[in-house]
Amino acid sequence: MEPVPHINTGSVPLNWRSSRFGYIHFLYKMVRRDVLTKLYRPFFGAHGKNFSFDPDGAYSYGNIYVGDDVSLGAKPILLATRSLIHIGNKVMFGPEVTIIGGNRNTSYVGRFMADVTDNDKIPGDDQGVVIDDDVWVGTRAVLLNGVTIGRGAIVAAGAVVTRSVPPYSVIAGVPAKVVKFRWDIDTILQHEENLYPPEKRFSRDYLEKYQRELLQKVTE
């Protein structure tokens, strides 16, 4: 039996060649992302400056309106074929956030749910989603149709939001509930004074109303 011939791999270490392949793959992904982002961005209903999104996410582009300095994170799902999704300024998403601006009508008796079409829906079946300014939505949170996320709120990772969220609240859980407010009212007012012009700031009465309502729900 003849000996197996020795294959000369050269003086280049295998780990260098593998790292070189990794670099080329990384470069390809970056170029692809840049090209697709520029290609898809005009399809959104509207967007402001410094808008970052993952082109590999799922979007109903024309129904999504985005403000300034917004990052939609990695692989989000934003779908609202018969309603609108409005996202304010300075909003951050963690990876794989889902927003659904619509719902199925399951009230028909004697019909399979899959056979109920969009034309069979009533107006309340498809409500939009509004995310105000300065909001952080955590990884894999789910926002369902008809909810508004108030300014300055934080949505915890994995939360399923079925009701609107008051400003500067922190919500978590399934279904999501307010677990606390980020600051007391005096600190929120100071925060607002530092960031917003007088005509856009929340009043003390407005903030007290939300915190008082939350306290009542907790004690009931």
Protein backbone atom coordinates (compact mmCIF):
# COMPACT_ATOMS: atom_id res chain seq x y z
CA MET A 1 0.00 0.00 0.00
CA GLU A 2 1.35 3.35 -0.96
CA PRO A 3 1.62 5.92 1.81
CA VAL A 4 -0.89 8.74 1.85
CA PRO A 5 0.79 11.75 0.31
CA HIS A 6 1.39 14.70 2.60
CA ILE A 7 -0.66 17.74 1.70
CA ASN A 8 1.25 20.93 2.30
CA THR A 9 -1.06 23.54 3.77
CA GLY A 10 1.62 26.15 3.51
CA SER A 11 2.99 28.35 6.19
CA VAL A 12 -0.43 29.96 6.88
CA PRO A 13 -2.00 28.56 10.08
CA LEU A 14 -5.46 27.04 9.74
CA ASN A 15 -6.84 29.32 12.45
CA TRP A 16 -5.70 32.35 10.42
CA ARG A 17 -7.49 31.03 7.34
CA SER A 18 -10.68 30.37 9.32
CA SER A 19 -10.55 33.83 10.86
CA ARG A 20 -10.02 35.27 7.39
CA PHE A 21 -13.15 33.45 6.17
CA GLY A 22 -15.01 34.75 9.21
CA TYR A 23 -13.94 38.30 8.43
CA ILE A 24 -15.08 37.97 4.80
CA HIS A 25 -18.43 36.56 5.97
CA PHE A 26 -18.80 39.41 8.47
CA LEU A 27 -17.95 41.96 5.78
CA TYR A 28 -20.52 40.39 3.44
CA LYS A 29 -23.22 40.60 6.12
CA MET A 30 -22.42 44.25 6.82
CA VAL A 31 -22.51 45.21 3.14
CA ARG A 32 -25.72 43.25 2.61
CA ARG A 33 -27.37 44.92 5.60
CA ASP A 34 -26.32 48.36 4.42
CA VAL A 35 -27.65 47.78 0.91
CA LEU A 36 -30.98 46.32 2.08
CA THR A 37 -31.47 49.06 4.66
CA LYS A 38 -31.08 51.75 2.02
CA LEU A 39 -33.37 49.81 -0.30
CA TYR A 40 -36.17 49.20 2.24
CA ARG A 41 -36.11 52.47 4.21
CA PRO A 42 -38.22 54.46 1.70
CA PHE A 43 -41.03 51.91 1.99
CA PHE A 44 -41.90 53.03 5.56
CA GLY A 45 -44.86 55.40 5.83
CA ALA A 46 -42.49 58.05 7.20
CA HIS A 47 -39.33 58.18 9.27
CA GLY A 48 -37.10 60.77 10.88
CA LYS A 49 -33.35 61.10 11.09
CA ASN A 50 -31.06 58.48 12.64
CA PHE A 51 -33.56 55.69 12.03
CA SER A 52 -32.04 52.22 12.41
CA PHE A 53 -33.82 48.96 11.57
CA ASP A 54 -32.93 45.38 10.74
CA PRO A 55 -33.77 44.62 7.10
CA ASP A 56 -34.31 40.97 8.08
CA GLY A 57 -37.26 41.91 10.29
CA ALA A 58 -40.91 41.67 9.19
CA TYR A 59 -42.71 44.97 8.51
CA SER A 60 -45.96 46.22 6.99
CA TYR A 61 -43.84 49.11 5.77
CA GLY A 62 -46.38 51.65 4.55
CA ASN A 63 -48.37 51.55 7.80
CA ILE A 64 -45.40 52.30 10.06
CA TYR A 65 -44.46 55.89 11.00
CA VAL A 66 -41.23 56.47 12.90
CA GLY A 67 -39.71 59.56 14.52
CA ASP A 68 -36.10 60.66 15.06
CA ASP A 69 -33.35 58.63 16.72
CA VAL A 70 -35.16 55.30 16.70
CA SER A 71 -33.63 51.82 16.76
CA LEU A 72 -35.96 48.87 16.12
CA GLY A 73 -33.47 46.24 17.27
CA ALA A 74 -32.72 42.86 15.69
CA LYS A 75 -35.38 40.89 13.80
CA PRO A 76 -38.54 42.66 15.00
CA ILE A 77 -42.04 41.92 13.72
CA LEU A 78 -44.16 45.05 13.10
CA LEU A 79 -47.41 44.23 11.32
CA ALA A 80 -50.51 46.38 10.87
CA THR A 81 -52.09 45.78 7.48
CA ARG A 82 -55.34 47.67 8.24
CA SER A 83 -54.17 50.08 10.95
CA LEU A 84 -51.11 52.17 11.79
CA ILE A 85 -48.07 51.87 14.04
CA HIS A 86 -46.75 55.21 15.28
CA ILE A 87 -43.35 55.33 16.99
CA GLY A 88 -42.10 58.59 18.51
CA ASN A 89 -38.60 60.00 19.00
CA LYS A 90 -35.72 58.50 21.01
CA VAL A 91 -37.22 54.99 21.10
CA MET A 92 -35.16 51.82 21.62
CA PHE A 93 -36.13 48.20 20.96
CA GLY A 94 -34.37 45.11 22.18
CA PRO A 95 -34.11 42.08 19.87
CA GLU A 96 -37.20 40.39 18.43
CA VAL A 97 -39.90 42.79 19.61
CA THR A 98 -43.35 42.07 18.16
CA ILE A 99 -46.04 44.69 17.47
CA ILE A 100 -49.38 43.58 16.04
CA GLY A 101 -51.74 46.37 15.01
CA GLY A 102 -54.69 44.12 14.22
CA ASN A 103 -56.74 41.19 15.37
CA ARG A 104 -59.01 38.42 14.08
CA ASN A 105 -62.76 38.44 14.49
CA THR A 106 -63.58 35.18 16.27
CA SER A 107 -67.25 35.93 17.02
CA TYR A 108 -68.82 34.28 13.98
CA VAL A 109 -70.85 31.19 14.85
CA GLY A 110 -70.84 28.38 12.32
CA ARG A 111 -67.72 29.57 10.49
CA PHE A 112 -64.15 28.44 10.79
CA MET A 113 -61.94 31.24 12.11
CA ALA A 114 -59.63 30.81 9.12
CA ASP A 115 -62.58 31.56 6.80
CA VAL A 116 -63.30 34.95 8.37
CA THR A 117 -61.67 37.52 6.07
CA ASP A 118 -60.64 41.13 6.58
CA ASN A 119 -63.91 42.19 4.94
CA ASP A 120 -65.84 40.48 7.75
CA LYS A 121 -64.13 42.50 10.47
CA ILE A 122 -65.67 45.32 12.48
CA PRO A 123 -63.76 48.61 13.07
CA GLY A 124 -62.64 47.60 16.54
CA ASP A 125 -60.84 44.52 15.27
CA ASP A 126 -57.96 46.49 13.78
CA GLN A 127 -56.62 49.20 16.06
CA GLY A 128 -53.21 50.79 15.77
CA VAL A 129 -50.34 50.93 18.23
CA VAL A 130 -48.74 54.16 19.48
CA ILE A 131 -45.33 54.35 21.15
CA ASP A 132 -44.55 57.79 22.55
CA ASP A 133 -41.13 59.43 22.90
CA ASP A 134 -38.30 58.15 25.10
CA VAL A 135 -39.52 54.55 25.39
CA TRP A 136 -37.48 51.39 25.83
CA VAL A 137 -39.10 48.11 24.74
CA GLY A 138 -37.21 45.06 25.99
CA THR A 139 -36.29 41.84 24.23
CA ARG A 140 -39.18 39.78 22.85
CA ALA A 141 -41.86 42.03 24.30
CA VAL A 142 -45.22 41.80 22.51
CA LEU A 143 -47.44 44.86 21.97
CA LEU A 144 -50.97 44.05 20.81
CA ASN A 145 -53.43 46.16 18.90
CA GLY A 146 -54.97 49.25 20.43
CA VAL A 147 -52.29 49.99 23.04
CA THR A 148 -50.45 53.23 23.65
CA ILE A 149 -47.07 53.20 25.39
CA GLY A 150 -46.75 56.47 27.30
CA ARG A 151 -43.74 58.73 27.16
CA GLY A 152 -40.72 57.61 29.15
CA ALA A 153 -42.10 54.13 29.81
CA ILE A 154 -40.08 50.92 30.00
CA VAL A 155 -41.52 47.62 28.76
CA ALA A 156 -39.70 44.68 30.33
CA ALA A 157 -38.33 41.79 28.28
CA GLY A 158 -40.98 39.20 27.45
CA ALA A 159 -43.92 41.38 28.52
CA VAL A 160 -47.22 40.98 26.66
CA VAL A 161 -48.89 44.38 26.55
CA THR A 162 -52.67 44.25 26.12
CA ARG A 163 -53.57 47.63 27.67
CA SER A 164 -52.23 51.14 27.34
CA VAL A 165 -49.28 52.12 29.52
CA PRO A 166 -49.04 55.38 31.50
CA PRO A 167 -46.06 57.74 31.11
CA TYR A 168 -42.84 56.91 32.99
CA SER A 169 -44.14 53.55 34.15
CA VAL A 170 -42.27 50.25 34.18
CA ILE A 171 -44.39 47.32 33.06
CA ALA A 172 -43.71 43.59 33.08
CA GLY A 173 -45.45 40.23 32.98
CA VAL A 174 -48.04 38.30 30.99
CA PRO A 175 -50.33 40.12 30.67
CA ALA A 176 -48.18 43.18 31.41
CA LYS A 177 -48.94 45.28 34.49
CA VAL A 178 -47.38 48.41 35.92
CA VAL A 179 -44.88 47.35 38.57
CA LYS A 180 -43.64 50.84 39.42
CA PHE A 181 -42.95 54.31 38.09
CA ARG A 182 -39.41 55.25 37.17
CA TRP A 183 -39.34 58.25 39.54
CA ASP A 184 -41.54 60.22 41.89
CA ILE A 185 -43.55 63.06 40.39
CA ASP A 186 -41.10 65.82 41.35
CA THR A 187 -38.26 64.00 39.59
CA ILE A 188 -40.40 63.37 36.50
CA LEU A 189 -41.24 67.07 36.34
CA GLN A 190 -37.53 67.94 36.58
CA HIS A 191 -36.76 65.41 33.87
CA GLU A 192 -39.45 66.93 31.64
CA GLU A 193 -38.16 70.45 32.27
CA ASN A 194 -34.69 69.41 31.13
CA LEU A 195 -35.90 67.81 27.89
CA TYR A 196 -39.10 69.40 26.63
CA PRO A 197 -40.40 72.92 25.93
CA PRO A 198 -43.13 74.16 28.30
CA GLU A 199 -45.98 73.42 25.92
CA LYS A 200 -45.00 69.72 25.69
CA ARG A 201 -44.37 69.01 29.37
CA PHE A 202 -46.75 66.97 31.50
CA SER A 203 -48.43 68.82 34.33
CA ARG A 204 -48.34 67.66 37.94
CA ASP A 205 -52.10 67.04 37.86
CA TYR A 206 -51.75 64.83 34.79
CA LEU A 207 -49.03 62.68 36.39
CA GLU A 208 -50.80 62.49 39.74
CA LYS A 209 -53.93 61.23 38.00
CA TYR A 210 -52.11 58.20 36.60
CA GLN A 211 -50.28 57.38 39.82
CA ARG A 212 -53.47 57.77 41.87
CA GLU A 213 -55.39 55.46 39.53
CA LEU A 214 -52.64 52.86 39.77
CA LEU A 215 -52.63 53.02 43.56
CA GLN A 216 -56.40 52.48 43.61
CA LYS A 217 -56.10 49.38 41.42
CA VAL A 218 -53.39 47.93 43.66
CA THR A 219 -55.42 48.45 46.85
CA GLU A 220 -58.72 47.14 45.43
